[in-house]
Amino acid sequence: MFTIEHDFDATVITLVDEGRPHLEEDVTIQAFEDCVTIQQLDARQDVVQKITLSLTQMRDLAAALDLPEGVYQVRPAGEG
């Protein structure tokens, strides 16, 4: 299950783990104009872990999800 909310400066997506038997903490993704943050509570340490991705890193991650093992470089359309 997931939720999507549109705040003033970001789109916020929350991923809720509904799997069994071991559930992970919710993951919150915030998409800003210049970066994307991913946050998840580390219950063992009672601290929120945060990762910040540039838009270029996010683009590369999206492209990588459907590719086989290897090294790649994403280039703008029309660039050889």
Protein backbone atom coordinates (compact mmCIF):
# COMPACT_ATOMS: atom_id res chain seq x y z
CA MET A 1 0.00 0.00 0.00
CA PHE A 2 1.17 3.56 -0.60
CA THR A 3 -0.05 7.12 -0.23
CA ILE A 4 0.66 10.22 -2.34
CA GLU A 5 0.35 13.76 -0.99
CA HIS A 6 1.15 17.04 -2.69
CA ASP A 7 2.66 19.56 -0.26
CA PHE A 8 3.64 23.15 -1.05
CA ASP A 9 7.25 22.33 -1.97
CA ALA A 10 7.26 18.54 -2.47
CA THR A 11 5.33 15.46 -3.51
CA VAL A 12 5.38 12.96 -0.63
CA ILE A 13 5.00 9.23 -1.24
CA THR A 14 4.78 6.84 1.73
CA LEU A 15 5.29 3.11 1.14
CA VAL A 16 3.66 0.88 3.76
CA ASP A 17 4.96 -2.71 4.04
CA GLU A 18 2.01 -5.10 4.13
CA GLY A 19 4.04 -8.28 3.65
CA ARG A 20 4.36 -11.21 6.04
CA PRO A 21 5.78 -12.25 8.43
CA HIS A 22 8.42 -9.57 9.05
CA LEU A 23 7.25 -6.04 8.27
CA GLU A 24 9.70 -3.23 7.60
CA GLU A 25 9.15 0.37 8.72
CA ASP A 26 7.34 2.77 6.36
CA VAL A 27 9.48 4.46 3.69
CA THR A 28 8.83 8.13 2.93
CA ILE A 29 9.97 9.59 -0.39
CA GLN A 30 9.90 13.36 -0.88
CA ALA A 31 10.34 14.73 -4.40
CA PHE A 32 11.51 18.35 -4.37
CA GLU A 33 12.37 20.63 -7.28
CA ASP A 34 16.10 19.80 -7.08
CA CYS A 35 16.40 16.47 -5.24
CA VAL A 36 14.60 13.41 -3.88
CA THR A 37 14.90 12.25 -0.27
CA ILE A 38 14.18 8.75 1.04
CA GLN A 39 13.61 8.26 4.78
CA GLN A 40 12.99 5.24 6.99
CA LEU A 41 12.93 4.79 10.76
CA ASP A 42 15.67 2.53 12.11
CA ALA A 43 13.69 1.06 15.02
CA ARG A 44 16.79 -0.53 16.57
CA GLN A 45 18.49 2.85 16.99
CA ASP A 46 15.27 4.93 17.13
CA VAL A 47 16.62 7.30 14.47
CA VAL A 48 15.37 8.20 10.98
CA GLN A 49 17.85 7.32 8.24
CA LYS A 50 17.82 9.72 5.28
CA ILE A 51 19.26 9.46 1.77
CA THR A 52 19.30 12.39 -0.67
CA LEU A 53 19.48 11.75 -4.43
CA SER A 54 20.07 14.39 -7.09
CA LEU A 55 17.62 14.38 -9.98
CA THR A 56 20.38 12.87 -12.15
CA GLN A 57 20.85 10.01 -9.67
CA MET A 58 17.08 9.49 -9.56
CA ARG A 59 16.92 9.36 -13.38
CA ASP A 60 19.74 6.81 -13.42
CA LEU A 61 18.03 4.71 -10.73
CA ALA A 62 14.77 4.66 -12.71
CA ALA A 63 16.66 3.60 -15.86
CA ALA A 64 18.58 0.89 -13.98
CA LEU A 65 15.48 -0.89 -12.71
CA ASP A 66 14.85 -2.61 -16.06
CA LEU A 67 18.42 -3.25 -17.26
CA PRO A 68 20.65 -6.32 -16.98
CA GLU A 69 23.98 -6.33 -15.13
CA GLY A 70 26.54 -3.91 -16.58
CA VAL A 71 27.84 -0.32 -16.65
CA TYR A 72 25.68 2.34 -18.29
CA GLN A 73 25.56 6.07 -18.96
CA VAL A 74 22.26 7.79 -19.74
CA ARG A 75 22.57 10.37 -22.52
CA PRO A 76 20.04 12.96 -23.68
CA ALA A 77 17.89 11.95 -26.67
CA GLY A 78 19.64 12.55 -29.99
CA GLU A 79 23.12 12.39 -28.47
CA GLY A 80 25.08 9.42 -29.88
